[in-house]
Amino acid sequence: MIGRIYSVWAKEGSPVPSGLLDPGMNWVEPAGAMEDVQIDEILDAGDRVVVLVLLHGAGNDPEAKRRQGYVWTLRDGKVVGFERFDSPDAAMRAAGVHC
């Protein structure tokens, strides 16, 4: 399901059209968006899914690269939560996945 959300996001610029997001979902995302997201790995953690990514292009520096982790929380076939972490390890710890 998370892979489908990323596919819609890439095509349409938003995951909302997928119909997979709960309208009342909790979206936690610190400021500082990157230009390009490359998914490295998707880890199933029960009702949570950890997505490890490599980000390219921060602000005025198109050569900048950084790793992050996202935790998606699922319930009844819909996403009810999203949280972005500044490191893959922090995301895995938050989801209870051993690093």
PDB file of N, CA and C in Angstrom:
ATOM      1  N   MET A   1       0.813  -1.191   0.000  1.00  0.00           N
ATOM      2  CA  MET A   1       0.000   0.000   0.000  1.00  0.00           C
ATOM      3  C   MET A   1       0.860   1.261   0.000  1.00  0.00           C
ATOM      4  N   ILE A   2       1.921   1.298   0.782  1.00  0.00           N
ATOM      5  CA  ILE A   2       2.776   2.478   0.840  1.00  0.00           C
ATOM      6  C   ILE A   2       3.424   2.729  -0.511  1.00  0.00           C
ATOM      7  N   GLY A   3       3.819   1.668  -1.199  1.00  0.00           N
ATOM      8  CA  GLY A   3       4.377   1.815  -2.538  1.00  0.00           C
ATOM      9  C   GLY A   3       3.391   2.473  -3.490  1.00  0.00           C
ATOM     10  N   ARG A   4       2.110   2.130  -3.382  1.00  0.00           N
ATOM     11  CA  ARG A   4       1.086   2.760  -4.229  1.00  0.00           C
ATOM     12  C   ARG A   4       0.966   4.244  -3.921  1.00  0.00           C
ATOM     13  N   ILE A   5       1.067   4.597  -2.640  1.00  0.00           N
ATOM     14  CA  ILE A   5       0.989   6.012  -2.267  1.00  0.00           C
ATOM     15  C   ILE A   5       2.127   6.782  -2.920  1.00  0.00           C
ATOM     16  N   TYR A   6       3.344   6.229  -2.870  1.00  0.00           N
ATOM     17  CA  TYR A   6       4.485   6.911  -3.482  1.00  0.00           C
ATOM     18  C   TYR A   6       4.329   7.013  -4.994  1.00  0.00           C
ATOM     19  N   SER A   7       3.723   6.023  -5.633  1.00  0.00           N
ATOM     20  CA  SER A   7       3.490   6.091  -7.075  1.00  0.00           C
ATOM     21  C   SER A   7       2.537   7.228  -7.425  1.00  0.00           C
ATOM     22  N   VAL A   8       1.441   7.337  -6.686  1.00  0.00           N
ATOM     23  CA  VAL A   8       0.484   8.424  -6.915  1.00  0.00           C
ATOM     24  C   VAL A   8       1.152   9.764  -6.649  1.00  0.00           C
ATOM     25  N   TRP A   9       1.937   9.836  -5.575  1.00  0.00           N
ATOM     26  CA  TRP A   9       2.625  11.066  -5.205  1.00  0.00           C
ATOM     27  C   TRP A   9       3.539  11.534  -6.336  1.00  0.00           C
ATOM     28  N   ALA A  10       4.279  10.598  -6.930  1.00  0.00           N
ATOM     29  CA  ALA A  10       5.205  10.942  -8.016  1.00  0.00           C
ATOM     30  C   ALA A  10       4.457  11.433  -9.258  1.00  0.00           C
ATOM     31  N   LYS A  11       3.311  10.837  -9.535  1.00  0.00           N
ATOM     32  CA  LYS A  11       2.554  11.200 -10.734  1.00  0.00           C
ATOM     33  C   LYS A  11       1.724  12.466 -10.547  1.00  0.00           C
ATOM     34  N   GLU A  12       1.123  12.616  -9.363  1.00  0.00           N
ATOM     35  CA  GLU A  12       0.141  13.678  -9.171  1.00  0.00           C
ATOM     36  C   GLU A  12       0.593  14.777  -8.219  1.00  0.00           C
ATOM     37  N   GLY A  13       1.762  14.619  -7.584  1.00  0.00           N
ATOM     38  CA  GLY A  13       2.267  15.649  -6.686  1.00  0.00           C
ATOM     39  C   GLY A  13       1.683  15.615  -5.291  1.00  0.00           C
ATOM     40  N   SER A  14       0.788  14.683  -5.028  1.00  0.00           N
ATOM     41  CA  SER A  14       0.171  14.553  -3.709  1.00  0.00           C
ATOM     42  C   SER A  14      -0.342  13.130  -3.543  1.00  0.00           C
ATOM     43  N   PRO A  15      -0.246  12.580  -2.317  1.00  0.00           N
ATOM     44  CA  PRO A  15      -0.789  11.240  -2.105  1.00  0.00           C
ATOM     45  C   PRO A  15      -2.302  11.237  -1.856  1.00  0.00           C
ATOM     46  N   VAL A  16      -2.908  12.405  -1.720  1.00  0.00           N
ATOM     47  CA  VAL A  16      -4.331  12.487  -1.392  1.00  0.00           C
ATOM     48  C   VAL A  16      -5.219  11.774  -2.417  1.00  0.00           C
ATOM     49  N   PRO A  17      -4.968  11.908  -3.744  1.00  0.00           N
ATOM     50  CA  PRO A  17      -5.840  11.229  -4.713  1.00  0.00           C
ATOM     51  C   PRO A  17      -5.861   9.704  -4.608  1.00  0.00           C
ATOM     52  N   SER A  18      -4.907   9.110  -3.898  1.00  0.00           N
ATOM     53  CA  SER A  18      -4.858   7.648  -3.797  1.00  0.00           C
ATOM     54  C   SER A  18      -6.057   7.078  -3.061  1.00  0.00           C
ATOM     55  N   GLY A  19      -6.711   7.873  -2.217  1.00  0.00           N
ATOM     56  CA  GLY A  19      -7.817   7.362  -1.417  1.00  0.00           C
ATOM     57  C   GLY A  19      -7.354   6.467  -0.284  1.00  0.00           C
ATOM     58  N   LEU A  20      -6.036   6.346  -0.099  1.00  0.00           N
ATOM     59  CA  LEU A  20      -5.488   5.477   0.937  1.00  0.00           C
ATOM     60  C   LEU A  20      -5.189   6.220   2.239  1.00  0.00           C
ATOM     61  N   LEU A  21      -5.381   7.535   2.245  1.00  0.00           N
ATOM     62  CA  LEU A  21      -5.115   8.324   3.446  1.00  0.00           C
ATOM     63  C   LEU A  21      -6.410   8.564   4.199  1.00  0.00           C
ATOM     64  N   ASP A  22      -6.401   8.314   5.486  1.00  0.00           N
ATOM     65  CA  ASP A  22      -7.541   8.628   6.328  1.00  0.00           C
ATOM     66  C   ASP A  22      -7.673  10.150   6.381  1.00  0.00           C
ATOM     67  N   PRO A  23      -8.882  10.695   6.202  1.00  0.00           N
ATOM     68  CA  PRO A  23      -9.043  12.148   6.204  1.00  0.00           C
ATOM     69  C   PRO A  23      -8.557  12.823   7.489  1.00  0.00           C
ATOM     70  N   GLY A  24      -8.558  12.113   8.599  1.00  0.00           N
ATOM     71  CA  GLY A  24      -8.110  12.683   9.872  1.00  0.00           C
ATOM     72  C   GLY A  24      -6.705  12.280  10.258  1.00  0.00           C
ATOM     73  N   MET A  25      -5.899  11.857   9.264  1.00  0.00           N
ATOM     74  CA  MET A  25      -4.560  11.356   9.598  1.00  0.00           C
ATOM     75  C   MET A  25      -3.695  12.421  10.249  1.00  0.00           C
ATOM     76  N   ASN A  26      -2.767  11.965  11.079  1.00  0.00           N
ATOM     77  CA  ASN A  26      -1.807  12.820  11.762  1.00  0.00           C
ATOM     78  C   ASN A  26      -0.547  12.888  10.918  1.00  0.00           C
ATOM     79  N   TRP A  27      -0.213  14.087  10.413  1.00  0.00           N
ATOM     80  CA  TRP A  27       0.927  14.281   9.511  1.00  0.00           C
ATOM     81  C   TRP A  27       1.967  15.102  10.245  1.00  0.00           C
ATOM     82  N   VAL A  28       3.101  14.502  10.626  1.00  0.00           N
ATOM     83  CA  VAL A  28       4.169  15.203  11.345  1.00  0.00           C
ATOM     84  C   VAL A  28       5.383  15.261  10.432  1.00  0.00           C
ATOM     85  N   GLU A  29       5.734  16.477  10.009  1.00  0.00           N
ATOM     86  CA  GLU A  29       6.857  16.632   9.096  1.00  0.00           C
ATOM     87  C   GLU A  29       7.593  17.933   9.418  1.00  0.00           C
ATOM     88  N   PRO A  30       8.827  17.830   9.886  1.00  0.00           N
ATOM     89  CA  PRO A  30       9.604  19.047  10.144  1.00  0.00           C
ATOM     90  C   PRO A  30       9.835  19.833   8.851  1.00  0.00           C
ATOM     91  N   ALA A  31      10.122  21.105   8.989  1.00  0.00           N
ATOM     92  CA  ALA A  31      10.392  21.964   7.826  1.00  0.00           C
ATOM     93  C   ALA A  31      11.681  21.541   7.136  1.00  0.00           C
ATOM     94  N   GLY A  32      11.854  21.970   5.901  1.00  0.00           N
ATOM     95  CA  GLY A  32      13.100  21.711   5.174  1.00  0.00           C
ATOM     96  C   GLY A  32      12.959  20.647   4.112  1.00  0.00           C
ATOM     97  N   ALA A  33      12.027  20.822   3.202  1.00  0.00           N
ATOM     98  CA  ALA A  33      11.777  19.814   2.170  1.00  0.00           C
ATOM     99  C   ALA A  33      12.951  19.686   1.207  1.00  0.00           C
ATOM    100  N   MET A  34      13.094  18.516   0.650  1.00  0.00           N
ATOM    101  CA  MET A  34      14.125  18.233  -0.344  1.00  0.00           C
ATOM    102  C   MET A  34      13.443  18.142  -1.703  1.00  0.00           C
ATOM    103  N   GLU A  35      14.238  18.232  -2.751  1.00  0.00           N
ATOM    104  CA  GLU A  35      13.710  18.232  -4.101  1.00  0.00           C
ATOM    105  C   GLU A  35      13.377  16.833  -4.623  1.00  0.00           C
ATOM    106  N   ASP A  36      14.217  15.844  -4.345  1.00  0.00           N
ATOM    107  CA  ASP A  36      14.064  14.539  -4.952  1.00  0.00           C
ATOM    108  C   ASP A  36      14.229  13.460  -3.885  1.00  0.00           C
ATOM    109  N   VAL A  37      13.300  12.525  -3.834  1.00  0.00           N
ATOM    110  CA  VAL A  37      13.324  11.445  -2.845  1.00  0.00           C
ATOM    111  C   VAL A  37      13.541  10.119  -3.566  1.00  0.00           C
ATOM    112  N   GLN A  38      14.572   9.382  -3.142  1.00  0.00           N
ATOM    113  CA  GLN A  38      14.858   8.050  -3.682  1.00  0.00           C
ATOM    114  C   GLN A  38      14.618   7.039  -2.568  1.00  0.00           C
ATOM    115  N   ILE A  39      13.677   6.139  -2.757  1.00  0.00           N
ATOM    116  CA  ILE A  39      13.380   5.122  -1.748  1.00  0.00           C
ATOM    117  C   ILE A  39      14.446   4.045  -1.795  1.00  0.00           C
ATOM    118  N   ASP A  40      15.077   3.801  -0.634  1.00  0.00           N
ATOM    119  CA  ASP A  40      16.084   2.747  -0.523  1.00  0.00           C
ATOM    120  C   ASP A  40      15.477   1.432  -0.056  1.00  0.00           C
ATOM    121  N   GLU A  41      14.558   1.519   0.914  1.00  0.00           N
ATOM    122  CA  GLU A  41      14.027   0.288   1.495  1.00  0.00           C
ATOM    123  C   GLU A  41      12.696   0.572   2.166  1.00  0.00           C
ATOM    124  N   ILE A  42      11.793  -0.402   2.122  1.00  0.00           N
ATOM    125  CA  ILE A  42      10.518  -0.338   2.827  1.00  0.00           C
ATOM    126  C   ILE A  42      10.480  -1.523   3.775  1.00  0.00           C
ATOM    127  N   LEU A  43      10.278  -1.239   5.081  1.00  0.00           N
ATOM    128  CA  LEU A  43      10.295  -2.269   6.120  1.00  0.00           C
ATOM    129  C   LEU A  43       8.917  -2.376   6.771  1.00  0.00           C
ATOM    130  N   ASP A  44       8.361  -3.579   6.789  1.00  0.00           N
ATOM    131  CA  ASP A  44       7.070  -3.829   7.416  1.00  0.00           C
ATOM    132  C   ASP A  44       7.273  -4.006   8.916  1.00  0.00           C
ATOM    133  N   ALA A  45       6.552  -3.214   9.696  1.00  0.00           N
ATOM    134  CA  ALA A  45       6.633  -3.314  11.155  1.00  0.00           C
ATOM    135  C   ALA A  45       5.230  -3.446  11.740  1.00  0.00           C
ATOM    136  N   GLY A  46       4.427  -4.335  11.184  1.00  0.00           N
ATOM    137  CA  GLY A  46       3.062  -4.547  11.670  1.00  0.00           C
ATOM    138  C   GLY A  46       2.133  -3.438  11.196  1.00  0.00           C
ATOM    139  N   ASP A  47       1.597  -2.651  12.146  1.00  0.00           N
ATOM    140  CA  ASP A  47       0.705  -1.556  11.768  1.00  0.00           C
ATOM    141  C   ASP A  47       1.480  -0.298  11.366  1.00  0.00           C
ATOM    142  N   ARG A  48       2.786  -0.430  11.290  1.00  0.00           N
ATOM    143  CA  ARG A  48       3.642   0.664  10.840  1.00  0.00           C
ATOM    144  C   ARG A  48       4.524   0.171   9.695  1.00  0.00           C
ATOM    145  N   VAL A  49       4.875   1.103   8.816  1.00  0.00           N
ATOM    146  CA  VAL A  49       5.789   0.813   7.712  1.00  0.00           C
ATOM    147  C   VAL A  49       6.876   1.873   7.753  1.00  0.00           C
ATOM    148  N   VAL A  50       8.126   1.419   7.736  1.00  0.00           N
ATOM    149  CA  VAL A  50       9.269   2.335   7.743  1.00  0.00           C
ATOM    150  C   VAL A  50       9.791   2.432   6.318  1.00  0.00           C
ATOM    151  N   VAL A  51       9.957   3.658   5.830  1.00  0.00           N
ATOM    152  CA  VAL A  51      10.497   3.898   4.498  1.00  0.00           C
ATOM    153  C   VAL A  51      11.821   4.637   4.681  1.00  0.00           C
ATOM    154  N   LEU A  52      12.909   4.026   4.217  1.00  0.00           N
ATOM    155  CA  LEU A  52      14.238   4.633   4.300  1.00  0.00           C
ATOM    156  C   LEU A  52      14.538   5.265   2.951  1.00  0.00           C
ATOM    157  N   VAL A  53      14.960   6.536   2.975  1.00  0.00           N
ATOM    158  CA  VAL A  53      15.128   7.286   1.734  1.00  0.00           C
ATOM    159  C   VAL A  53      16.462   8.024   1.684  1.00  0.00           C
ATOM    160  N   LEU A  54      16.868   8.346   0.459  1.00  0.00           N
ATOM    161  CA  LEU A  54      17.987   9.238   0.209  1.00  0.00           C
ATOM    162  C   LEU A  54      17.396  10.460  -0.474  1.00  0.00           C
ATOM    163  N   LEU A  55      17.656  11.632   0.086  1.00  0.00           N
ATOM    164  CA  LEU A  55      17.118  12.885  -0.437  1.00  0.00           C
ATOM    165  C   LEU A  55      18.200  13.651  -1.171  1.00  0.00           C
ATOM    166  N   HIS A  56      17.821  14.279  -2.265  1.00  0.00           N
ATOM    167  CA  HIS A  56      18.757  15.052  -3.087  1.00  0.00           C
ATOM    168  C   HIS A  56      18.255  16.484  -3.199  1.00  0.00           C
ATOM    169  N   GLY A  57      19.151  17.464  -3.085  1.00  0.00           N
ATOM    170  CA  GLY A  57      18.833  18.855  -3.386  1.00  0.00           C
ATOM    171  C   GLY A  57      18.110  19.607  -2.304  1.00  0.00           C
ATOM    172  N   ALA A  58      18.838  20.189  -1.369  1.00  0.00           N
ATOM    173  CA  ALA A  58      18.241  20.977  -0.295  1.00  0.00           C
ATOM    174  C   ALA A  58      18.366  22.464  -0.608  1.00  0.00           C
ATOM    175  N   GLY A  59      17.243  23.164  -0.682  1.00  0.00           N
ATOM    176  CA  GLY A  59      17.267  24.607  -0.868  1.00  0.00           C
ATOM    177  C   GLY A  59      18.069  25.048  -2.068  1.00  0.00           C
ATOM    178  N   ASN A  60      19.134  25.824  -1.826  1.00  0.00           N
ATOM    179  CA  ASN A  60      19.955  26.358  -2.914  1.00  0.00           C
ATOM    180  C   ASN A  60      21.084  25.423  -3.339  1.00  0.00           C
ATOM    181  N   ASP A  61      21.188  24.248  -2.729  1.00  0.00           N
ATOM    182  CA  ASP A  61      22.280  23.338  -3.040  1.00  0.00           C
ATOM    183  C   ASP A  61      21.753  22.068  -3.713  1.00  0.00           C
ATOM    184  N   PRO A  62      21.705  22.037  -5.054  1.00  0.00           N
ATOM    185  CA  PRO A  62      21.166  20.869  -5.747  1.00  0.00           C
ATOM    186  C   PRO A  62      22.010  19.606  -5.571  1.00  0.00           C
ATOM    187  N   GLU A  63      23.247  19.747  -5.079  1.00  0.00           N
ATOM    188  CA  GLU A  63      24.133  18.599  -4.886  1.00  0.00           C
ATOM    189  C   GLU A  63      24.005  17.984  -3.491  1.00  0.00           C
ATOM    190  N   ALA A  64      23.260  18.617  -2.605  1.00  0.00           N
ATOM    191  CA  ALA A  64      23.128  18.123  -1.229  1.00  0.00           C
ATOM    192  C   ALA A  64      22.426  16.766  -1.222  1.00  0.00           C
ATOM    193  N   LYS A  65      22.911  15.870  -0.356  1.00  0.00           N
ATOM    194  CA  LYS A  65      22.291  14.550  -0.189  1.00  0.00           C
ATOM    195  C   LYS A  65      22.161  14.279   1.306  1.00  0.00           C
ATOM    196  N   ARG A  66      21.094  13.604   1.670  1.00  0.00           N
ATOM    197  CA  ARG A  66      20.850  13.305   3.076  1.00  0.00           C
ATOM    198  C   ARG A  66      19.936  12.094   3.172  1.00  0.00           C
ATOM    199  N   ARG A  67      20.146  11.278   4.199  1.00  0.00           N
ATOM    200  CA  ARG A  67      19.302  10.111   4.448  1.00  0.00           C
ATOM    201  C   ARG A  67      18.269  10.461   5.514  1.00  0.00           C
ATOM    202  N   GLN A  68      17.063   9.948   5.345  1.00  0.00           N
ATOM    203  CA  GLN A  68      15.987  10.125   6.310  1.00  0.00           C
ATOM    204  C   GLN A  68      15.198   8.831   6.427  1.00  0.00           C
ATOM    205  N   GLY A  69      14.320   8.811   7.405  1.00  0.00           N
ATOM    206  CA  GLY A  69      13.396   7.700   7.562  1.00  0.00           C
ATOM    207  C   GLY A  69      11.998   8.228   7.813  1.00  0.00           C
ATOM    208  N   TYR A  70      11.014   7.548   7.247  1.00  0.00           N
ATOM    209  CA  TYR A  70       9.612   7.922   7.436  1.00  0.00           C
ATOM    210  C   TYR A  70       8.895   6.752   8.092  1.00  0.00           C
ATOM    211  N   VAL A  71       7.969   7.057   8.991  1.00  0.00           N
ATOM    212  CA  VAL A  71       7.135   6.023   9.589  1.00  0.00           C
ATOM    213  C   VAL A  71       5.686   6.319   9.209  1.00  0.00           C
ATOM    214  N   TRP A  72       5.084   5.382   8.492  1.00  0.00           N
ATOM    215  CA  TRP A  72       3.678   5.456   8.114  1.00  0.00           C
ATOM    216  C   TRP A  72       2.913   4.534   9.055  1.00  0.00           C
ATOM    217  N   THR A  73       1.816   5.015   9.643  1.00  0.00           N
ATOM    218  CA  THR A  73       0.980   4.208  10.525  1.00  0.00           C
ATOM    219  C   THR A  73      -0.315   3.877   9.790  1.00  0.00           C
ATOM    220  N   LEU A  74      -0.670   2.581   9.804  1.00  0.00           N
ATOM    221  CA  LEU A  74      -1.832   2.083   9.065  1.00  0.00           C
ATOM    222  C   LEU A  74      -2.907   1.569  10.012  1.00  0.00           C
ATOM    223  N   ARG A  75      -4.164   1.755   9.597  1.00  0.00           N
ATOM    224  CA  ARG A  75      -5.286   1.182  10.342  1.00  0.00           C
ATOM    225  C   ARG A  75      -6.442   0.962   9.371  1.00  0.00           C
ATOM    226  N   ASP A  76      -6.968  -0.235   9.368  1.00  0.00           N
ATOM    227  CA  ASP A  76      -8.117  -0.578   8.525  1.00  0.00           C
ATOM    228  C   ASP A  76      -7.899  -0.228   7.055  1.00  0.00           C
ATOM    229  N   GLY A  77      -6.699  -0.496   6.541  1.00  0.00           N
ATOM    230  CA  GLY A  77      -6.412  -0.293   5.135  1.00  0.00           C
ATOM    231  C   GLY A  77      -6.185   1.148   4.714  1.00  0.00           C
ATOM    232  N   LYS A  78      -6.031   2.053   5.680  1.00  0.00           N
ATOM    233  CA  LYS A  78      -5.776   3.467   5.377  1.00  0.00           C
ATOM    234  C   LYS A  78      -4.588   3.945   6.197  1.00  0.00           C
ATOM    235  N   VAL A  79      -3.934   4.968   5.687  1.00  0.00           N
ATOM    236  CA  VAL A  79      -2.856   5.614   6.435  1.00  0.00           C
ATOM    237  C   VAL A  79      -3.487   6.584   7.427  1.00  0.00           C
ATOM    238  N   VAL A  80      -3.125   6.436   8.705  1.00  0.00           N
ATOM    239  CA  VAL A  80      -3.653   7.333   9.732  1.00  0.00           C
ATOM    240  C   VAL A  80      -2.560   8.201  10.345  1.00  0.00           C
ATOM    241  N   GLY A  81      -1.305   7.957   9.962  1.00  0.00           N
ATOM    242  CA  GLY A  81      -0.222   8.767  10.493  1.00  0.00           C
ATOM    243  C   GLY A  81       1.025   8.698   9.645  1.00  0.00           C
ATOM    244  N   PHE A  82       1.781   9.803   9.663  1.00  0.00           N
ATOM    245  CA  PHE A  82       3.055   9.897   8.967  1.00  0.00           C
ATOM    246  C   PHE A  82       3.974  10.735   9.833  1.00  0.00           C
ATOM    247  N   GLU A  83       5.217  10.273   9.998  1.00  0.00           N
ATOM    248  CA  GLU A  83       6.208  11.063  10.725  1.00  0.00           C
ATOM    249  C   GLU A  83       7.548  10.932  10.024  1.00  0.00           C
ATOM    250  N   ARG A  84       8.225  12.067   9.869  1.00  0.00           N
ATOM    251  CA  ARG A  84       9.530  12.100   9.209  1.00  0.00           C
ATOM    252  C   ARG A  84      10.615  12.242  10.270  1.00  0.00           C
ATOM    253  N   PHE A  85      11.688  11.458  10.115  1.00  0.00           N
ATOM    254  CA  PHE A  85      12.812  11.485  11.041  1.00  0.00           C
ATOM    255  C   PHE A  85      14.078  11.857  10.285  1.00  0.00           C
ATOM    256  N   ASP A  86      14.994  12.539  10.964  1.00  0.00           N
ATOM    257  CA  ASP A  86      16.228  12.997  10.330  1.00  0.00           C
ATOM    258  C   ASP A  86      17.244  11.890  10.087  1.00  0.00           C
ATOM    259  N   SER A  87      16.975  10.695  10.594  1.00  0.00           N
ATOM    260  CA  SER A  87      17.883   9.577  10.325  1.00  0.00           C
ATOM    261  C   SER A  87      17.076   8.286  10.183  1.00  0.00           C
ATOM    262  N   PRO A  88      17.556   7.356   9.373  1.00  0.00           N
ATOM    263  CA  PRO A  88      16.890   6.060   9.268  1.00  0.00           C
ATOM    264  C   PRO A  88      16.817   5.341  10.614  1.00  0.00           C
ATOM    265  N   ASP A  89      17.888   5.415  11.413  1.00  0.00           N
ATOM    266  CA  ASP A  89      17.901   4.736  12.719  1.00  0.00           C
ATOM    267  C   ASP A  89      16.800   5.254  13.634  1.00  0.00           C
ATOM    268  N   ALA A  90      16.584   6.566  13.652  1.00  0.00           N
ATOM    269  CA  ALA A  90      15.543   7.152  14.502  1.00  0.00           C
ATOM    270  C   ALA A  90      14.163   6.661  14.073  1.00  0.00           C
ATOM    271  N   ALA A  91      13.936   6.563  12.777  1.00  0.00           N
ATOM    272  CA  ALA A  91      12.647   6.068  12.278  1.00  0.00           C
ATOM    273  C   ALA A  91      12.451   4.601  12.660  1.00  0.00           C
ATOM    274  N   MET A  92      13.492   3.793  12.502  1.00  0.00           N
ATOM    275  CA  MET A  92      13.377   2.376  12.841  1.00  0.00           C
ATOM    276  C   MET A  92      13.130   2.191  14.336  1.00  0.00           C
ATOM    277  N   ARG A  93      13.831   2.968  15.182  1.00  0.00           N
ATOM    278  CA  ARG A  93      13.600   2.882  16.627  1.00  0.00           C
ATOM    279  C   ARG A  93      12.150   3.271  16.974  1.00  0.00           C
ATOM    280  N   ALA A  94      11.639   4.344  16.355  1.00  0.00           N
ATOM    281  CA  ALA A  94      10.280   4.792  16.630  1.00  0.00           C
ATOM    282  C   ALA A  94       9.241   3.729  16.268  1.00  0.00           C
ATOM    283  N   ALA A  95       9.521   2.952  15.232  1.00  0.00           N
ATOM    284  CA  ALA A  95       8.602   1.902  14.793  1.00  0.00           C
ATOM    285  C   ALA A  95       8.851   0.563  15.459  1.00  0.00           C
ATOM    286  N   GLY A  96       9.875   0.487  16.306  1.00  0.00           N
ATOM    287  CA  GLY A  96      10.191  -0.770  16.986  1.00  0.00           C
ATOM    288  C   GLY A  96      10.940  -1.762  16.126  1.00  0.00           C
ATOM    289  N   VAL A  97      11.591  -1.267  15.067  1.00  0.00           N
ATOM    290  CA  VAL A  97      12.407  -2.126  14.202  1.00  0.00           C
ATOM    291  C   VAL A  97      13.834  -2.037  14.711  1.00  0.00           C
ATOM    292  N   HIS A  98      14.462  -3.184  14.899  1.00  0.00           N
ATOM    293  CA  HIS A  98      15.841  -3.196  15.414  1.00  0.00           C
ATOM    294  C   HIS A  98      16.814  -2.783  14.332  1.00  0.00           C
ATOM    295  N   CYS A  99      17.718  -1.891  14.684  1.00  0.00           N
ATOM    296  CA  CYS A  99      18.716  -1.370  13.749  1.00  0.00           C
ATOM    297  C   CYS A  99      19.901  -2.322  13.685  1.00  0.00           C
TER     298      CYS A  99
END
